[in-house]
């Protein structure tokens, strides 16, 4: 019996099946690696900063102090304060247009601002003359890339 002839005479077809399975597996793995690499190459979208906020209403309910308690710094250019007084009145203002916050400034942990609503269409930061007994305040963040807005924090009386 010739050992070389014995091995070559087997026609079971196992080797071609295993070869096809291995080629398919390699192709799938290669496609997954390339897809993962390509998916991460696109532009990254700016996400809303992770910040914690605390709202404190004064005893007379004429103003609310908003404090940045921690988390990521928030650019004033991307923040809008929206106030409603519970009777249909309300207004909003871009934080970057309010002193001491200007264009390019940031709110960091420990920063605070006092919000009041004067009954007109604008929000009065630092001064106030209305009761917030039924009011609501929202801190709205605007994505600088897409212009979409998200509510960062909300307070209701």
C-alpha atoms as a PDB file:
ATOM      1  CA  UNK A   1       0.000   0.000   0.000  1.00  0.00           C
ATOM      2  CA  UNK A   2       1.383   3.340  -1.093  1.00  0.00           C
ATOM      3  CA  UNK A   3       0.768   6.054   1.560  1.00  0.00           C
ATOM      4  CA  UNK A   4       0.938   8.813  -1.035  1.00  0.00           C
ATOM      5  CA  UNK A   5      -1.645   7.164  -3.233  1.00  0.00           C
ATOM      6  CA  UNK A   6      -3.897   6.430  -0.258  1.00  0.00           C
ATOM      7  CA  UNK A   7      -4.136  10.127   0.673  1.00  0.00           C
ATOM      8  CA  UNK A   8      -4.690  11.298  -2.893  1.00  0.00           C
ATOM      9  CA  UNK A   9      -7.351   8.726  -3.700  1.00  0.00           C
ATOM     10  CA  UNK A  10      -9.859  10.070  -1.168  1.00  0.00           C
ATOM     11  CA  UNK A  11     -12.668  12.050  -2.897  1.00  0.00           C
ATOM     12  CA  UNK A  12     -14.792  13.013   0.082  1.00  0.00           C
ATOM     13  CA  UNK A  13     -15.053  16.750  -0.786  1.00  0.00           C
ATOM     14  CA  UNK A  14     -14.424  17.965   2.746  1.00  0.00           C
ATOM     15  CA  UNK A  15     -11.576  20.316   1.846  1.00  0.00           C
ATOM     16  CA  UNK A  16     -13.561  22.455  -0.653  1.00  0.00           C
ATOM     17  CA  UNK A  17     -16.435  22.925   1.830  1.00  0.00           C
ATOM     18  CA  UNK A  18     -14.095  23.993   4.623  1.00  0.00           C
ATOM     19  CA  UNK A  19     -12.300  26.323   2.211  1.00  0.00           C
ATOM     20  CA  UNK A  20     -15.557  28.036   1.211  1.00  0.00           C
ATOM     21  CA  UNK A  21     -16.638  28.433   4.848  1.00  0.00           C
ATOM     22  CA  UNK A  22     -13.272  29.944   5.778  1.00  0.00           C
ATOM     23  CA  UNK A  23     -13.383  32.372   2.835  1.00  0.00           C
ATOM     24  CA  UNK A  24     -16.907  33.525   3.767  1.00  0.00           C
ATOM     25  CA  UNK A  25     -15.885  33.992   7.411  1.00  0.00           C
ATOM     26  CA  UNK A  26     -12.802  36.009   6.441  1.00  0.00           C
ATOM     27  CA  UNK A  27     -14.896  38.175   4.100  1.00  0.00           C
ATOM     28  CA  UNK A  28     -17.495  38.890   6.805  1.00  0.00           C
ATOM     29  CA  UNK A  29     -14.837  39.779   9.387  1.00  0.00           C
ATOM     30  CA  UNK A  30     -12.988  41.998   6.906  1.00  0.00           C
ATOM     31  CA  UNK A  31     -16.225  43.786   5.956  1.00  0.00           C
ATOM     32  CA  UNK A  32     -17.043  44.393   9.645  1.00  0.00           C
ATOM     33  CA  UNK A  33     -13.588  45.843  10.334  1.00  0.00           C
ATOM     34  CA  UNK A  34     -13.758  48.145   7.304  1.00  0.00           C
ATOM     35  CA  UNK A  35     -17.318  49.265   8.136  1.00  0.00           C
ATOM     36  CA  UNK A  36     -16.305  50.094  11.710  1.00  0.00           C
ATOM     37  CA  UNK A  37     -13.366  52.139  10.480  1.00  0.00           C
ATOM     38  CA  UNK A  38     -15.430  53.999   7.872  1.00  0.00           C
ATOM     39  CA  UNK A  39     -18.314  54.750  10.290  1.00  0.00           C
ATOM     40  CA  UNK A  40     -15.917  56.458  12.701  1.00  0.00           C
ATOM     41  CA  UNK A  41     -14.416  58.639   9.974  1.00  0.00           C
ATOM     42  CA  UNK A  42     -17.469  60.900   9.607  1.00  0.00           C
ATOM     43  CA  UNK A  43     -17.750  64.271  11.286  1.00  0.00           C
ATOM     44  CA  UNK A  44     -18.654  64.149  14.944  1.00  0.00           C
ATOM     45  CA  UNK A  45     -21.665  66.170  16.018  1.00  0.00           C
ATOM     46  CA  UNK A  46     -21.466  68.448  18.998  1.00  0.00           C
ATOM     47  CA  UNK A  47     -23.434  67.057  21.920  1.00  0.00           C
ATOM     48  CA  UNK A  48     -25.159  68.921  24.718  1.00  0.00           C
ATOM     49  CA  UNK A  49     -22.858  69.539  27.691  1.00  0.00           C
ATOM     50  CA  UNK A  50     -23.564  67.441  30.739  1.00  0.00           C
ATOM     51  CA  UNK A  51     -24.247  70.075  33.403  1.00  0.00           C
ATOM     52  CA  UNK A  52     -26.190  69.970  36.653  1.00  0.00           C
ATOM     53  CA  UNK A  53     -28.410  72.940  37.520  1.00  0.00           C
ATOM     54  CA  UNK A  54     -30.046  74.046  40.750  1.00  0.00           C
ATOM     55  CA  UNK A  55     -33.028  76.446  40.874  1.00  0.00           C
ATOM     56  CA  UNK A  56     -33.660  78.461  44.053  1.00  0.00           C
ATOM     57  CA  UNK A  57     -36.758  80.637  44.366  1.00  0.00           C
ATOM     58  CA  UNK A  58     -36.522  83.512  46.849  1.00  0.00           C
ATOM     59  CA  UNK A  59     -39.033  83.933  49.687  1.00  0.00           C
ATOM     60  CA  UNK A  60     -41.043  86.619  47.884  1.00  0.00           C
ATOM     61  CA  UNK A  61     -41.231  84.488  44.723  1.00  0.00           C
ATOM     62  CA  UNK A  62     -40.123  87.419  42.588  1.00  0.00           C
ATOM     63  CA  UNK A  63     -36.911  85.904  41.292  1.00  0.00           C
ATOM     64  CA  UNK A  64     -35.213  82.586  40.796  1.00  0.00           C
ATOM     65  CA  UNK A  65     -31.484  81.974  41.109  1.00  0.00           C
ATOM     66  CA  UNK A  66     -30.087  79.399  38.695  1.00  0.00           C
ATOM     67  CA  UNK A  67     -26.798  77.827  39.737  1.00  0.00           C
ATOM     68  CA  UNK A  68     -24.479  75.659  37.652  1.00  0.00           C
ATOM     69  CA  UNK A  69     -23.725  72.917  40.205  1.00  0.00           C
ATOM     70  CA  UNK A  70     -21.223  70.876  38.247  1.00  0.00           C
ATOM     71  CA  UNK A  71     -20.442  69.002  35.103  1.00  0.00           C
ATOM     72  CA  UNK A  72     -19.229  70.410  31.811  1.00  0.00           C
ATOM     73  CA  UNK A  73     -18.769  74.136  31.221  1.00  0.00           C
ATOM     74  CA  UNK A  74     -21.537  75.627  29.070  1.00  0.00           C
ATOM     75  CA  UNK A  75     -20.862  78.355  26.506  1.00  0.00           C
ATOM     76  CA  UNK A  76     -23.145  81.359  26.968  1.00  0.00           C
ATOM     77  CA  UNK A  77     -23.435  81.670  23.168  1.00  0.00           C
ATOM     78  CA  UNK A  78     -25.358  78.384  23.075  1.00  0.00           C
ATOM     79  CA  UNK A  79     -27.726  79.009  26.004  1.00  0.00           C
ATOM     80  CA  UNK A  80     -31.146  80.598  26.016  1.00  0.00           C
ATOM     81  CA  UNK A  81     -33.236  81.250  29.136  1.00  0.00           C
ATOM     82  CA  UNK A  82     -36.986  80.919  28.539  1.00  0.00           C
ATOM     83  CA  UNK A  83     -39.496  82.115  31.136  1.00  0.00           C
ATOM     84  CA  UNK A  84     -43.280  81.827  31.313  1.00  0.00           C
ATOM     85  CA  UNK A  85     -45.365  83.298  34.111  1.00  0.00           C
ATOM     86  CA  UNK A  86     -48.254  80.835  34.096  1.00  0.00           C
ATOM     87  CA  UNK A  87     -50.786  83.319  32.674  1.00  0.00           C
ATOM     88  CA  UNK A  88     -49.691  83.224  29.049  1.00  0.00           C
ATOM     89  CA  UNK A  89     -46.902  85.766  29.403  1.00  0.00           C
ATOM     90  CA  UNK A  90     -43.350  84.822  28.760  1.00  0.00           C
ATOM     91  CA  UNK A  91     -40.168  85.561  26.977  1.00  0.00           C
ATOM     92  CA  UNK A  92     -36.669  84.372  26.323  1.00  0.00           C
ATOM     93  CA  UNK A  93     -33.197  85.781  26.000  1.00  0.00           C
ATOM     94  CA  UNK A  94     -29.837  84.574  24.773  1.00  0.00           C
ATOM     95  CA  UNK A  95     -27.500  84.347  27.724  1.00  0.00           C
ATOM     96  CA  UNK A  96     -24.615  85.814  25.702  1.00  0.00           C
ATOM     97  CA  UNK A  97     -26.529  89.111  25.428  1.00  0.00           C
ATOM     98  CA  UNK A  98     -26.748  89.524  29.202  1.00  0.00           C
ATOM     99  CA  UNK A  99     -24.117  91.103  31.445  1.00  0.00           C
ATOM    100  CA  UNK A 100     -21.825  89.705  32.878  1.00  0.00           C
ATOM    101  CA  UNK A 101     -22.070  86.915  30.310  1.00  0.00           C
ATOM    102  CA  UNK A 102     -20.998  87.924  26.856  1.00  0.00           C
ATOM    103  CA  UNK A 103     -20.142  86.255  23.613  1.00  0.00           C
ATOM    104  CA  UNK A 104     -17.497  83.607  24.199  1.00  0.00           C
ATOM    105  CA  UNK A 105     -17.990  83.367  27.979  1.00  0.00           C
ATOM    106  CA  UNK A 106     -18.732  80.126  29.788  1.00  0.00           C
ATOM    107  CA  UNK A 107     -20.809  79.101  32.766  1.00  0.00           C
ATOM    108  CA  UNK A 108     -18.778  76.797  34.961  1.00  0.00           C
ATOM    109  CA  UNK A 109     -19.509  75.037  38.231  1.00  0.00           C
ATOM    110  CA  UNK A 110     -20.375  77.674  40.809  1.00  0.00           C
ATOM    111  CA  UNK A 111     -21.681  80.201  38.268  1.00  0.00           C
ATOM    112  CA  UNK A 112     -25.112  81.567  39.036  1.00  0.00           C
ATOM    113  CA  UNK A 113     -27.608  84.044  37.629  1.00  0.00           C
ATOM    114  CA  UNK A 114     -30.820  85.583  38.901  1.00  0.00           C
ATOM    115  CA  UNK A 115     -33.850  85.415  36.616  1.00  0.00           C
ATOM    116  CA  UNK A 116     -36.934  87.596  36.796  1.00  0.00           C
ATOM    117  CA  UNK A 117     -39.705  88.267  34.307  1.00  0.00           C
ATOM    118  CA  UNK A 118     -40.957  91.818  33.830  1.00  0.00           C
ATOM    119  CA  UNK A 119     -44.185  90.912  32.036  1.00  0.00           C
ATOM    120  CA  UNK A 120     -42.999  92.056  28.618  1.00  0.00           C
ATOM    121  CA  UNK A 121     -41.539  89.890  25.893  1.00  0.00           C
ATOM    122  CA  UNK A 122     -38.033  89.892  27.359  1.00  0.00           C
ATOM    123  CA  UNK A 123     -36.494  88.076  30.273  1.00  0.00           C
ATOM    124  CA  UNK A 124     -34.830  90.310  32.825  1.00  0.00           C
ATOM    125  CA  UNK A 125     -31.720  88.684  34.188  1.00  0.00           C
ATOM    126  CA  UNK A 126     -30.485  90.239  37.487  1.00  0.00           C
ATOM    127  CA  UNK A 127     -33.742  92.174  38.187  1.00  0.00           C
ATOM    128  CA  UNK A 128     -37.312  91.029  38.592  1.00  0.00           C
ATOM    129  CA  UNK A 129     -40.857  92.249  39.176  1.00  0.00           C
ATOM    130  CA  UNK A 130     -43.216  89.301  38.838  1.00  0.00           C
ATOM    131  CA  UNK A 131     -44.358  86.414  40.947  1.00  0.00           C
ATOM    132  CA  UNK A 132     -43.255  83.003  39.767  1.00  0.00           C
ATOM    133  CA  UNK A 133     -46.093  81.313  41.643  1.00  0.00           C
ATOM    134  CA  UNK A 134     -47.217  79.531  38.448  1.00  0.00           C
ATOM    135  CA  UNK A 135     -44.107  80.168  36.381  1.00  0.00           C
ATOM    136  CA  UNK A 136     -41.690  78.008  34.511  1.00  0.00           C
ATOM    137  CA  UNK A 137     -38.047  78.495  33.535  1.00  0.00           C
ATOM    138  CA  UNK A 138     -36.201  76.466  30.917  1.00  0.00           C
ATOM    139  CA  UNK A 139     -32.500  76.461  30.148  1.00  0.00           C
ATOM    140  CA  UNK A 140     -32.301  75.706  26.436  1.00  0.00           C
ATOM    141  CA  UNK A 141     -29.080  74.664  24.706  1.00  0.00           C
ATOM    142  CA  UNK A 142     -28.663  75.256  20.965  1.00  0.00           C
ATOM    143  CA  UNK A 143     -26.326  72.997  19.006  1.00  0.00           C
ATOM    144  CA  UNK A 144     -23.855  75.332  17.267  1.00  0.00           C
ATOM    145  CA  UNK A 145     -23.478  72.892  14.354  1.00  0.00           C
ATOM    146  CA  UNK A 146     -27.096  72.089  13.508  1.00  0.00           C
ATOM    147  CA  UNK A 147     -29.113  74.814  15.250  1.00  0.00           C
ATOM    148  CA  UNK A 148     -31.290  72.180  16.956  1.00  0.00           C
ATOM    149  CA  UNK A 149     -32.290  72.902  20.545  1.00  0.00           C
ATOM    150  CA  UNK A 150     -32.576  70.742  23.652  1.00  0.00           C
ATOM    151  CA  UNK A 151     -33.825  71.537  27.128  1.00  0.00           C
ATOM    152  CA  UNK A 152     -30.920  71.273  29.570  1.00  0.00           C
ATOM    153  CA  UNK A 153     -32.948  71.929  32.713  1.00  0.00           C
ATOM    154  CA  UNK A 154     -36.452  72.970  33.658  1.00  0.00           C
ATOM    155  CA  UNK A 155     -38.008  74.521  36.756  1.00  0.00           C
ATOM    156  CA  UNK A 156     -41.689  74.883  37.627  1.00  0.00           C
ATOM    157  CA  UNK A 157     -43.104  76.827  40.541  1.00  0.00           C
END
